[in-house]
Structure formats: structure tokens, C-alpha cells
Amino acid sequence: MTGITMLDESIAAVREQNLGNDSAISEALMKKIRVYNYVPPGVAEAYARAIMDEYKKGIEKE
């Protein structure tokens, strides 16, 4: 997978929003990620899944 600019910062910003469900979290993450990264339409779903995996890894560490 390619590197994602501002991933940690985006995850932290979305985490602060205390969104209630995975769908809302994923949407907010992708919105943030797209500010700093080009996400080709054909791989947007794969990006969303990978970013959610990273988001959840951070929660597990807490």
C-alpha cells in the first residue's frame, strides 16, 4: 500500500469528534484523507477499509 499523508493527524482529528458508528467514522476519515491525498475512485473502498483498520488499531492500543 502507498503511504498516506497526514494519516495519524486525520485519525486523531476524527477520534476527537466522538462519532458513533463505523460508517460515520469512515466517511469522516476519508473526507480528511482526501484533503491531503489523491484517492483514485477505483480504490476508494480499499482505502476506506485500510484506514478504518488503522483507526481501530489505535483504539485497541488505548
PDB file of N, CA and C in Angstrom:
ATOM      1  N   MET A   1       0.846  -1.181   0.000  1.00  0.00           N
ATOM      2  CA  MET A   1       0.000   0.000   0.000  1.00  0.00           C
ATOM      3  C   MET A   1       0.887   1.237   0.000  1.00  0.00           C
ATOM      4  N   THR A   2       0.399   2.274  -0.587  1.00  0.00           N
ATOM      5  CA  THR A   2       1.145   3.521  -0.616  1.00  0.00           C
ATOM      6  C   THR A   2       1.002   4.245   0.712  1.00  0.00           C
ATOM      7  N   GLY A   3       1.920   5.158   0.974  1.00  0.00           N
ATOM      8  CA  GLY A   3       1.834   5.955   2.179  1.00  0.00           C
ATOM      9  C   GLY A   3       0.685   6.948   2.098  1.00  0.00           C
ATOM     10  N   ILE A   4       0.135   7.284   3.247  1.00  0.00           N
ATOM     11  CA  ILE A   4      -0.974   8.231   3.298  1.00  0.00           C
ATOM     12  C   ILE A   4      -0.528   9.426   4.125  1.00  0.00           C
ATOM     13  N   THR A   5      -0.458  10.575   3.466  1.00  0.00           N
ATOM     14  CA  THR A   5      -0.039  11.803   4.127  1.00  0.00           C
ATOM     15  C   THR A   5      -1.066  12.213   5.174  1.00  0.00           C
ATOM     16  N   MET A   6      -0.589  12.604   6.340  1.00  0.00           N
ATOM     17  CA  MET A   6      -1.418  13.107   7.439  1.00  0.00           C
ATOM     18  C   MET A   6      -2.370  12.047   8.008  1.00  0.00           C
ATOM     19  N   LEU A   7      -2.006  10.788   7.911  1.00  0.00           N
ATOM     20  CA  LEU A   7      -2.874   9.718   8.408  1.00  0.00           C
ATOM     21  C   LEU A   7      -3.078   9.823   9.917  1.00  0.00           C
ATOM     22  N   ASP A   8      -2.001   9.895  10.681  1.00  0.00           N
ATOM     23  CA  ASP A   8      -2.124   9.940  12.139  1.00  0.00           C
ATOM     24  C   ASP A   8      -2.903  11.166  12.598  1.00  0.00           C
ATOM     25  N   GLU A   9      -2.630  12.300  11.972  1.00  0.00           N
ATOM     26  CA  GLU A   9      -3.327  13.532  12.336  1.00  0.00           C
ATOM     27  C   GLU A   9      -4.813  13.451  11.996  1.00  0.00           C
ATOM     28  N   SER A  10      -5.112  12.841  10.867  1.00  0.00           N
ATOM     29  CA  SER A  10      -6.513  12.681  10.453  1.00  0.00           C
ATOM     30  C   SER A  10      -7.256  11.755  11.406  1.00  0.00           C
ATOM     31  N   ILE A  11      -6.617  10.672  11.783  1.00  0.00           N
ATOM     32  CA  ILE A  11      -7.234   9.739  12.728  1.00  0.00           C
ATOM     33  C   ILE A  11      -7.485  10.440  14.060  1.00  0.00           C
ATOM     34  N   ALA A  12      -6.512  11.190  14.544  1.00  0.00           N
ATOM     35  CA  ALA A  12      -6.676  11.897  15.816  1.00  0.00           C
ATOM     36  C   ALA A  12      -7.821  12.904  15.746  1.00  0.00           C
ATOM     37  N   ALA A  13      -7.910  13.640  14.649  1.00  0.00           N
ATOM     38  CA  ALA A  13      -8.970  14.643  14.497  1.00  0.00           C
ATOM     39  C   ALA A  13     -10.346  13.989  14.473  1.00  0.00           C
ATOM     40  N   VAL A  14     -10.464  12.870  13.781  1.00  0.00           N
ATOM     41  CA  VAL A  14     -11.755  12.176  13.712  1.00  0.00           C
ATOM     42  C   VAL A  14     -12.085  11.548  15.067  1.00  0.00           C
ATOM     43  N   ARG A  15     -11.097  11.020  15.743  1.00  0.00           N
ATOM     44  CA  ARG A  15     -11.330  10.422  17.061  1.00  0.00           C
ATOM     45  C   ARG A  15     -11.902  11.460  18.028  1.00  0.00           C
ATOM     46  N   GLU A  16     -11.434  12.696  17.937  1.00  0.00           N
ATOM     47  CA  GLU A  16     -11.921  13.774  18.810  1.00  0.00           C
ATOM     48  C   GLU A  16     -13.390  14.108  18.563  1.00  0.00           C
ATOM     49  N   GLN A  17     -13.906  13.750  17.395  1.00  0.00           N
ATOM     50  CA  GLN A  17     -15.303  14.048  17.065  1.00  0.00           C
ATOM     51  C   GLN A  17     -16.286  13.105  17.764  1.00  0.00           C
ATOM     52  N   ASN A  18     -15.782  12.007  18.321  1.00  0.00           N
ATOM     53  CA  ASN A  18     -16.630  11.034  19.019  1.00  0.00           C
ATOM     54  C   ASN A  18     -17.833  10.599  18.185  1.00  0.00           C
ATOM     55  N   LEU A  19     -17.575  10.218  16.958  1.00  0.00           N
ATOM     56  CA  LEU A  19     -18.646   9.764  16.073  1.00  0.00           C
ATOM     57  C   LEU A  19     -19.128   8.388  16.523  1.00  0.00           C
ATOM     58  N   GLY A  20     -20.390   8.117  16.325  1.00  0.00           N
ATOM     59  CA  GLY A  20     -20.999   6.939  16.919  1.00  0.00           C
ATOM     60  C   GLY A  20     -20.865   5.623  16.194  1.00  0.00           C
ATOM     61  N   ASN A  21     -20.711   5.622  14.880  1.00  0.00           N
ATOM     62  CA  ASN A  21     -20.696   4.334  14.194  1.00  0.00           C
ATOM     63  C   ASN A  21     -19.603   4.296  13.128  1.00  0.00           C
ATOM     64  N   ASP A  22     -19.278   3.089  12.697  1.00  0.00           N
ATOM     65  CA  ASP A  22     -18.188   2.902  11.735  1.00  0.00           C
ATOM     66  C   ASP A  22     -18.419   3.645  10.426  1.00  0.00           C
ATOM     67  N   SER A  23     -19.654   3.704   9.990  1.00  0.00           N
ATOM     68  CA  SER A  23     -19.954   4.384   8.732  1.00  0.00           C
ATOM     69  C   SER A  23     -19.614   5.872   8.822  1.00  0.00           C
ATOM     70  N   ALA A  24     -20.019   6.511   9.902  1.00  0.00           N
ATOM     71  CA  ALA A  24     -19.733   7.937  10.095  1.00  0.00           C
ATOM     72  C   ALA A  24     -18.236   8.173  10.261  1.00  0.00           C
ATOM     73  N   ILE A  25     -17.577   7.282  10.980  1.00  0.00           N
ATOM     74  CA  ILE A  25     -16.133   7.398  11.188  1.00  0.00           C
ATOM     75  C   ILE A  25     -15.402   7.262   9.858  1.00  0.00           C
ATOM     76  N   SER A  26     -15.758   6.250   9.089  1.00  0.00           N
ATOM     77  CA  SER A  26     -15.118   6.018   7.797  1.00  0.00           C
ATOM     78  C   SER A  26     -15.316   7.206   6.864  1.00  0.00           C
ATOM     79  N   GLU A  27     -16.517   7.737   6.830  1.00  0.00           N
ATOM     80  CA  GLU A  27     -16.805   8.892   5.976  1.00  0.00           C
ATOM     81  C   GLU A  27     -15.969  10.103   6.392  1.00  0.00           C
ATOM     82  N   ALA A  28     -15.883  10.352   7.697  1.00  0.00           N
ATOM     83  CA  ALA A  28     -15.096  11.484   8.192  1.00  0.00           C
ATOM     84  C   ALA A  28     -13.608  11.291   7.902  1.00  0.00           C
ATOM     85  N   LEU A  29     -13.118  10.069   8.083  1.00  0.00           N
ATOM     86  CA  LEU A  29     -11.713   9.787   7.790  1.00  0.00           C
ATOM     87  C   LEU A  29     -11.400  10.022   6.321  1.00  0.00           C
ATOM     88  N   MET A  30     -12.240   9.515   5.452  1.00  0.00           N
ATOM     89  CA  MET A  30     -11.999   9.680   4.015  1.00  0.00           C
ATOM     90  C   MET A  30     -12.058  11.149   3.611  1.00  0.00           C
ATOM     91  N   LYS A  31     -12.955  11.893   4.211  1.00  0.00           N
ATOM     92  CA  LYS A  31     -13.041  13.326   3.909  1.00  0.00           C
ATOM     93  C   LYS A  31     -11.725  14.011   4.281  1.00  0.00           C
ATOM     94  N   LYS A  32     -11.192  13.685   5.468  1.00  0.00           N
ATOM     95  CA  LYS A  32      -9.917  14.264   5.912  1.00  0.00           C
ATOM     96  C   LYS A  32      -8.765  13.806   5.017  1.00  0.00           C
ATOM     97  N   ILE A  33      -8.708  12.522   4.734  1.00  0.00           N
ATOM     98  CA  ILE A  33      -7.617  11.951   3.946  1.00  0.00           C
ATOM     99  C   ILE A  33      -7.570  12.566   2.553  1.00  0.00           C
ATOM    100  N   ARG A  34      -8.733  12.790   1.972  1.00  0.00           N
ATOM    101  CA  ARG A  34      -8.786  13.357   0.617  1.00  0.00           C
ATOM    102  C   ARG A  34      -8.282  14.797   0.559  1.00  0.00           C
ATOM    103  N   VAL A  35      -8.239  15.489   1.681  1.00  0.00           N
ATOM    104  CA  VAL A  35      -7.687  16.848   1.699  1.00  0.00           C
ATOM    105  C   VAL A  35      -6.199  16.810   1.353  1.00  0.00           C
ATOM    106  N   TYR A  36      -5.499  15.782   1.813  1.00  0.00           N
ATOM    107  CA  TYR A  36      -4.048  15.703   1.680  1.00  0.00           C
ATOM    108  C   TYR A  36      -3.562  14.663   0.667  1.00  0.00           C
ATOM    109  N   ASN A  37      -4.474  13.821   0.174  1.00  0.00           N
ATOM    110  CA  ASN A  37      -4.091  12.711  -0.694  1.00  0.00           C
ATOM    111  C   ASN A  37      -5.072  12.560  -1.844  1.00  0.00           C
ATOM    112  N   TYR A  38      -4.548  12.201  -3.010  1.00  0.00           N
ATOM    113  CA  TYR A  38      -5.417  11.842  -4.124  1.00  0.00           C
ATOM    114  C   TYR A  38      -5.831  10.393  -3.922  1.00  0.00           C
ATOM    115  N   VAL A  39      -7.118  10.146  -3.921  1.00  0.00           N
ATOM    116  CA  VAL A  39      -7.639   8.789  -3.785  1.00  0.00           C
ATOM    117  C   VAL A  39      -8.367   8.448  -5.084  1.00  0.00           C
ATOM    118  N   PRO A  40      -7.774   7.597  -5.917  1.00  0.00           N
ATOM    119  CA  PRO A  40      -8.423   7.227  -7.176  1.00  0.00           C
ATOM    120  C   PRO A  40      -9.779   6.571  -6.914  1.00  0.00           C
ATOM    121  N   PRO A  41     -10.785   6.921  -7.705  1.00  0.00           N
ATOM    122  CA  PRO A  41     -12.133   6.379  -7.486  1.00  0.00           C
ATOM    123  C   PRO A  41     -12.192   4.852  -7.424  1.00  0.00           C
ATOM    124  N   GLY A  42     -11.401   4.184  -8.204  1.00  0.00           N
ATOM    125  CA  GLY A  42     -11.435   2.724  -8.236  1.00  0.00           C
ATOM    126  C   GLY A  42     -10.917   2.043  -6.985  1.00  0.00           C
ATOM    127  N   VAL A  43     -10.205   2.770  -6.148  1.00  0.00           N
ATOM    128  CA  VAL A  43      -9.646   2.164  -4.935  1.00  0.00           C
ATOM    129  C   VAL A  43     -10.138   2.838  -3.655  1.00  0.00           C
ATOM    130  N   ALA A  44     -11.129   3.697  -3.766  1.00  0.00           N
ATOM    131  CA  ALA A  44     -11.623   4.433  -2.595  1.00  0.00           C
ATOM    132  C   ALA A  44     -12.118   3.491  -1.498  1.00  0.00           C
ATOM    133  N   GLU A  45     -12.824   2.434  -1.878  1.00  0.00           N
ATOM    134  CA  GLU A  45     -13.318   1.492  -0.869  1.00  0.00           C
ATOM    135  C   GLU A  45     -12.175   0.769  -0.175  1.00  0.00           C
ATOM    136  N   ALA A  46     -11.149   0.409  -0.922  1.00  0.00           N
ATOM    137  CA  ALA A  46      -9.985  -0.256  -0.324  1.00  0.00           C
ATOM    138  C   ALA A  46      -9.269   0.694   0.630  1.00  0.00           C
ATOM    139  N   TYR A  47      -9.133   1.957   0.247  1.00  0.00           N
ATOM    140  CA  TYR A  47      -8.541   2.962   1.128  1.00  0.00           C
ATOM    141  C   TYR A  47      -9.361   3.074   2.407  1.00  0.00           C
ATOM    142  N   ALA A  48     -10.678   3.174   2.260  1.00  0.00           N
ATOM    143  CA  ALA A  48     -11.555   3.332   3.426  1.00  0.00           C
ATOM    144  C   ALA A  48     -11.395   2.162   4.390  1.00  0.00           C
ATOM    145  N   ARG A  49     -11.338   0.947   3.861  1.00  0.00           N
ATOM    146  CA  ARG A  49     -11.159  -0.235   4.722  1.00  0.00           C
ATOM    147  C   ARG A  49      -9.809  -0.202   5.431  1.00  0.00           C
ATOM    148  N   ALA A  50      -8.758   0.120   4.695  1.00  0.00           N
ATOM    149  CA  ALA A  50      -7.413   0.152   5.281  1.00  0.00           C
ATOM    150  C   ALA A  50      -7.297   1.239   6.346  1.00  0.00           C
ATOM    151  N   ILE A  51      -7.891   2.378   6.080  1.00  0.00           N
ATOM    152  CA  ILE A  51      -7.830   3.483   7.043  1.00  0.00           C
ATOM    153  C   ILE A  51      -8.634   3.142   8.295  1.00  0.00           C
ATOM    154  N   MET A  52      -9.781   2.486   8.128  1.00  0.00           N
ATOM    155  CA  MET A  52     -10.559   2.050   9.294  1.00  0.00           C
ATOM    156  C   MET A  52      -9.780   1.030  10.108  1.00  0.00           C
ATOM    157  N   ASP A  53      -9.051   0.142   9.440  1.00  0.00           N
ATOM    158  CA  ASP A  53      -8.211  -0.821  10.158  1.00  0.00           C
ATOM    159  C   ASP A  53      -7.189  -0.088  11.020  1.00  0.00           C
ATOM    160  N   GLU A  54      -6.564   0.938  10.462  1.00  0.00           N
ATOM    161  CA  GLU A  54      -5.588   1.725  11.221  1.00  0.00           C
ATOM    162  C   GLU A  54      -6.260   2.461  12.379  1.00  0.00           C
ATOM    163  N   TYR A  55      -7.427   2.998  12.144  1.00  0.00           N
ATOM    164  CA  TYR A  55      -8.195   3.691  13.185  1.00  0.00           C
ATOM    165  C   TYR A  55      -8.465   2.734  14.347  1.00  0.00           C
ATOM    166  N   LYS A  56      -8.919   1.534  14.017  1.00  0.00           N
ATOM    167  CA  LYS A  56      -9.255   0.550  15.050  1.00  0.00           C
ATOM    168  C   LYS A  56      -8.019   0.041  15.783  1.00  0.00           C
ATOM    169  N   LYS A  57      -6.886  -0.055  15.096  1.00  0.00           N
ATOM    170  CA  LYS A  57      -5.639  -0.454  15.761  1.00  0.00           C
ATOM    171  C   LYS A  57      -5.283   0.552  16.846  1.00  0.00           C
ATOM    172  N   GLY A  58      -5.484   1.821  16.566  1.00  0.00           N
ATOM    173  CA  GLY A  58      -5.202   2.865  17.549  1.00  0.00           C
ATOM    174  C   GLY A  58      -6.094   2.755  18.769  1.00  0.00           C
ATOM    175  N   ILE A  59      -7.340   2.383  18.565  1.00  0.00           N
ATOM    176  CA  ILE A  59      -8.280   2.222  19.676  1.00  0.00           C
ATOM    177  C   ILE A  59      -7.871   1.035  20.537  1.00  0.00           C
ATOM    178  N   GLU A  60      -7.437  -0.041  19.906  1.00  0.00           N
ATOM    179  CA  GLU A  60      -7.025  -1.241  20.636  1.00  0.00           C
ATOM    180  C   GLU A  60      -5.817  -0.973  21.525  1.00  0.00           C
ATOM    181  N   LYS A  61      -4.944  -0.057  21.117  1.00  0.00           N
ATOM    182  CA  LYS A  61      -3.734   0.255  21.885  1.00  0.00           C
ATOM    183  C   LYS A  61      -4.049   1.057  23.143  1.00  0.00           C
ATOM    184  N   GLU A  62      -5.199   1.733  23.155  1.00  0.00           N
ATOM    185  CA  GLU A  62      -5.540   2.600  24.295  1.00  0.00           C
ATOM    186  C   GLU A  62      -5.961   1.826  25.498  1.00  0.00           C
TER     187      GLU A  62
END
